[in-house]
Amino acid sequence: MAYVSTGVAVASLATGITMGVLAQQQFDCAKDILACNDGLQNKVVGEELFDVRAEIEQKALFADMAYLFAAAATVVATVGYLRGFVFLDEEPTAATATLVMPRAPVLVAATTKVSP
């Protein structure tokens, strides 16, 4: 479980960084739209500025959610590692002892001889 959580944390962190960088680049372009339009084939004009702003906010929100997901997965991974490695040598107490499941009775067929 700890290994899976570590993988999820790394993937979420990478996603958050990627989306954050994309949002920052688009925000920098939107701050100076005249200079940014010089390098674009499809110019951003008029009402499209509102769409660009909404897209920037959406990417930034996605990055924030990915960071939060990475933080939660990191907590789960840390707990998993601590339970698996640090507390491995502890003796179970009465409160933490595991219960053993009772076994089902086994039916044995008896062979009987029938006298002729």
C-alpha atoms as a PDB file:
ATOM      1  CA  MET A   1       0.000   0.000   0.000  1.00  0.00           C
ATOM      2  CA  ALA A   2       2.847   2.381   0.785  1.00  0.00           C
ATOM      3  CA  TYR A   3       4.469   1.778  -2.586  1.00  0.00           C
ATOM      4  CA  VAL A   4       1.253   2.479  -4.470  1.00  0.00           C
ATOM      5  CA  SER A   5       0.680   5.651  -2.453  1.00  0.00           C
ATOM      6  CA  THR A   6       4.216   6.774  -3.225  1.00  0.00           C
ATOM      7  CA  GLY A   7       3.590   6.300  -6.934  1.00  0.00           C
ATOM      8  CA  VAL A   8       0.323   8.212  -6.733  1.00  0.00           C
ATOM      9  CA  ALA A   9       2.048  11.034  -4.838  1.00  0.00           C
ATOM     10  CA  VAL A  10       4.831  11.314  -7.433  1.00  0.00           C
ATOM     11  CA  ALA A  11       2.380  11.239 -10.352  1.00  0.00           C
ATOM     12  CA  SER A  12       0.129  13.830  -8.705  1.00  0.00           C
ATOM     13  CA  LEU A  13       3.089  16.080  -7.961  1.00  0.00           C
ATOM     14  CA  ALA A  14       4.285  15.843 -11.568  1.00  0.00           C
ATOM     15  CA  THR A  15       0.781  16.678 -12.794  1.00  0.00           C
ATOM     16  CA  GLY A  16       0.541  19.652 -10.448  1.00  0.00           C
ATOM     17  CA  ILE A  17       3.905  21.012 -11.543  1.00  0.00           C
ATOM     18  CA  THR A  18       3.064  20.595 -15.228  1.00  0.00           C
ATOM     19  CA  MET A  19      -0.321  22.285 -14.948  1.00  0.00           C
ATOM     20  CA  GLY A  20       1.129  25.049 -12.780  1.00  0.00           C
ATOM     21  CA  VAL A  21       3.853  25.799 -15.319  1.00  0.00           C
ATOM     22  CA  LEU A  22       1.315  25.822 -18.178  1.00  0.00           C
ATOM     23  CA  ALA A  23      -0.970  28.177 -16.248  1.00  0.00           C
ATOM     24  CA  GLN A  24       1.960  30.479 -15.402  1.00  0.00           C
ATOM     25  CA  GLN A  25       3.105  30.615 -19.026  1.00  0.00           C
ATOM     26  CA  GLN A  26      -0.396  31.427 -20.205  1.00  0.00           C
ATOM     27  CA  PHE A  27      -0.768  34.042 -17.456  1.00  0.00           C
ATOM     28  CA  ASP A  28       2.509  35.712 -18.451  1.00  0.00           C
ATOM     29  CA  CYS A  29       1.318  35.792 -22.050  1.00  0.00           C
ATOM     30  CA  ALA A  30      -2.050  37.279 -21.025  1.00  0.00           C
ATOM     31  CA  LYS A  31      -0.361  40.047 -18.979  1.00  0.00           C
ATOM     32  CA  ASP A  32       1.260  41.440 -22.123  1.00  0.00           C
ATOM     33  CA  ILE A  33      -1.198  40.344 -24.792  1.00  0.00           C
ATOM     34  CA  LEU A  34       0.260  42.618 -27.484  1.00  0.00           C
ATOM     35  CA  ALA A  35       3.717  41.053 -27.238  1.00  0.00           C
ATOM     36  CA  CYS A  36       2.228  37.574 -26.977  1.00  0.00           C
ATOM     37  CA  ASN A  37       0.039  38.034 -30.065  1.00  0.00           C
ATOM     38  CA  ASP A  38       3.141  38.748 -32.151  1.00  0.00           C
ATOM     39  CA  GLY A  39       4.286  35.152 -31.704  1.00  0.00           C
ATOM     40  CA  LEU A  40       0.876  33.515 -32.133  1.00  0.00           C
ATOM     41  CA  GLN A  41      -0.633  32.334 -35.370  1.00  0.00           C
ATOM     42  CA  ASN A  42      -4.181  32.643 -34.000  1.00  0.00           C
ATOM     43  CA  LYS A  43      -4.338  36.052 -32.310  1.00  0.00           C
ATOM     44  CA  VAL A  44      -6.235  36.517 -29.049  1.00  0.00           C
ATOM     45  CA  VAL A  45      -8.625  39.458 -29.448  1.00  0.00           C
ATOM     46  CA  GLY A  46     -11.886  40.756 -28.015  1.00  0.00           C
ATOM     47  CA  GLU A  47     -14.079  38.280 -26.190  1.00  0.00           C
ATOM     48  CA  GLU A  48     -11.385  35.573 -26.393  1.00  0.00           C
ATOM     49  CA  LEU A  49      -9.542  37.332 -23.553  1.00  0.00           C
ATOM     50  CA  PHE A  50     -12.294  36.172 -21.172  1.00  0.00           C
ATOM     51  CA  ASP A  51     -11.875  32.600 -22.434  1.00  0.00           C
ATOM     52  CA  VAL A  52      -8.112  32.805 -21.860  1.00  0.00           C
ATOM     53  CA  ARG A  53      -8.682  34.000 -18.302  1.00  0.00           C
ATOM     54  CA  ALA A  54     -11.110  31.140 -17.600  1.00  0.00           C
ATOM     55  CA  GLU A  55      -8.636  28.645 -19.057  1.00  0.00           C
ATOM     56  CA  ILE A  56      -5.829  30.002 -16.861  1.00  0.00           C
ATOM     57  CA  GLU A  57      -8.021  29.730 -13.764  1.00  0.00           C
ATOM     58  CA  GLN A  58      -9.024  26.178 -14.696  1.00  0.00           C
ATOM     59  CA  LYS A  59      -5.391  25.077 -15.128  1.00  0.00           C
ATOM     60  CA  ALA A  60      -4.383  26.720 -11.861  1.00  0.00           C
ATOM     61  CA  LEU A  61      -7.256  25.032 -10.004  1.00  0.00           C
ATOM     62  CA  PHE A  62      -6.308  21.660 -11.515  1.00  0.00           C
ATOM     63  CA  ALA A  63      -2.708  22.194 -10.365  1.00  0.00           C
ATOM     64  CA  ASP A  64      -3.879  23.051  -6.842  1.00  0.00           C
ATOM     65  CA  MET A  65      -6.048  19.928  -6.664  1.00  0.00           C
ATOM     66  CA  ALA A  66      -3.150  17.790  -7.879  1.00  0.00           C
ATOM     67  CA  TYR A  67      -0.923  19.260  -5.138  1.00  0.00           C
ATOM     68  CA  LEU A  68      -3.541  18.456  -2.488  1.00  0.00           C
ATOM     69  CA  PHE A  69      -3.930  14.916  -3.829  1.00  0.00           C
ATOM     70  CA  ALA A  70      -0.140  14.495  -3.752  1.00  0.00           C
ATOM     71  CA  ALA A  71      -0.062  15.694  -0.138  1.00  0.00           C
ATOM     72  CA  ALA A  72      -2.782  13.230   0.885  1.00  0.00           C
ATOM     73  CA  ALA A  73      -1.034  10.359  -0.892  1.00  0.00           C
ATOM     74  CA  THR A  74       2.224  11.322   0.835  1.00  0.00           C
ATOM     75  CA  VAL A  75       0.535  11.090   4.233  1.00  0.00           C
ATOM     76  CA  VAL A  76      -0.879   7.656   3.384  1.00  0.00           C
ATOM     77  CA  ALA A  77       2.521   6.473   2.118  1.00  0.00           C
ATOM     78  CA  THR A  78       4.286   7.757   5.238  1.00  0.00           C
ATOM     79  CA  VAL A  79       1.841   5.961   7.515  1.00  0.00           C
ATOM     80  CA  GLY A  80       2.239   2.807   5.441  1.00  0.00           C
ATOM     81  CA  TYR A  81       6.024   2.923   5.650  1.00  0.00           C
ATOM     82  CA  LEU A  82       5.959   3.617   9.394  1.00  0.00           C
ATOM     83  CA  ARG A  83       3.543   0.770  10.074  1.00  0.00           C
ATOM     84  CA  GLY A  84       5.480  -1.598   7.855  1.00  0.00           C
ATOM     85  CA  PHE A  85       9.058  -0.837   8.833  1.00  0.00           C
ATOM     86  CA  VAL A  86       9.282   1.094  12.093  1.00  0.00           C
ATOM     87  CA  PHE A  87       6.664  -0.703  14.169  1.00  0.00           C
ATOM     88  CA  LEU A  88       7.429  -4.156  12.771  1.00  0.00           C
ATOM     89  CA  ASP A  89       9.190  -5.465  15.897  1.00  0.00           C
ATOM     90  CA  GLU A  90       6.455  -4.612  18.381  1.00  0.00           C
ATOM     91  CA  GLU A  91       4.627  -7.416  20.147  1.00  0.00           C
ATOM     92  CA  PRO A  92       0.863  -7.295  19.643  1.00  0.00           C
ATOM     93  CA  THR A  93      -1.066  -6.352  22.750  1.00  0.00           C
ATOM     94  CA  ALA A  94      -4.502  -7.589  23.714  1.00  0.00           C
ATOM     95  CA  ALA A  95      -6.070  -4.543  22.066  1.00  0.00           C
ATOM     96  CA  THR A  96      -4.222  -4.964  18.771  1.00  0.00           C
ATOM     97  CA  ALA A  97      -4.034  -8.749  18.614  1.00  0.00           C
ATOM     98  CA  THR A  98      -5.660 -10.252  15.583  1.00  0.00           C
ATOM     99  CA  LEU A  99      -8.456 -12.700  15.966  1.00  0.00           C
ATOM    100  CA  VAL A 100      -8.116 -16.110  14.386  1.00  0.00           C
ATOM    101  CA  MET A 101     -11.038 -17.230  12.293  1.00  0.00           C
ATOM    102  CA  PRO A 102     -12.503 -20.531  13.520  1.00  0.00           C
ATOM    103  CA  ARG A 103     -12.203 -23.436  11.128  1.00  0.00           C
ATOM    104  CA  ALA A 104     -15.250 -25.036   9.668  1.00  0.00           C
ATOM    105  CA  PRO A 105     -15.828 -28.641  10.774  1.00  0.00           C
ATOM    106  CA  VAL A 106     -14.688 -31.245   8.319  1.00  0.00           C
ATOM    107  CA  LEU A 107     -17.108 -34.026   7.588  1.00  0.00           C
ATOM    108  CA  VAL A 108     -15.503 -37.408   7.194  1.00  0.00           C
ATOM    109  CA  ALA A 109     -17.470 -40.109   5.480  1.00  0.00           C
ATOM    110  CA  ALA A 110     -17.467 -43.325   7.422  1.00  0.00           C
ATOM    111  CA  THR A 111     -17.208 -46.569   5.541  1.00  0.00           C
ATOM    112  CA  THR A 112     -19.301 -49.342   6.879  1.00  0.00           C
ATOM    113  CA  LYS A 113     -19.422 -52.915   5.801  1.00  0.00           C
ATOM    114  CA  VAL A 114     -22.743 -54.338   5.031  1.00  0.00           C
ATOM    115  CA  SER A 115     -22.977 -57.994   5.889  1.00  0.00           C
ATOM    116  CA  PRO A 116     -24.586 -60.232   3.267  1.00  0.00           C
END
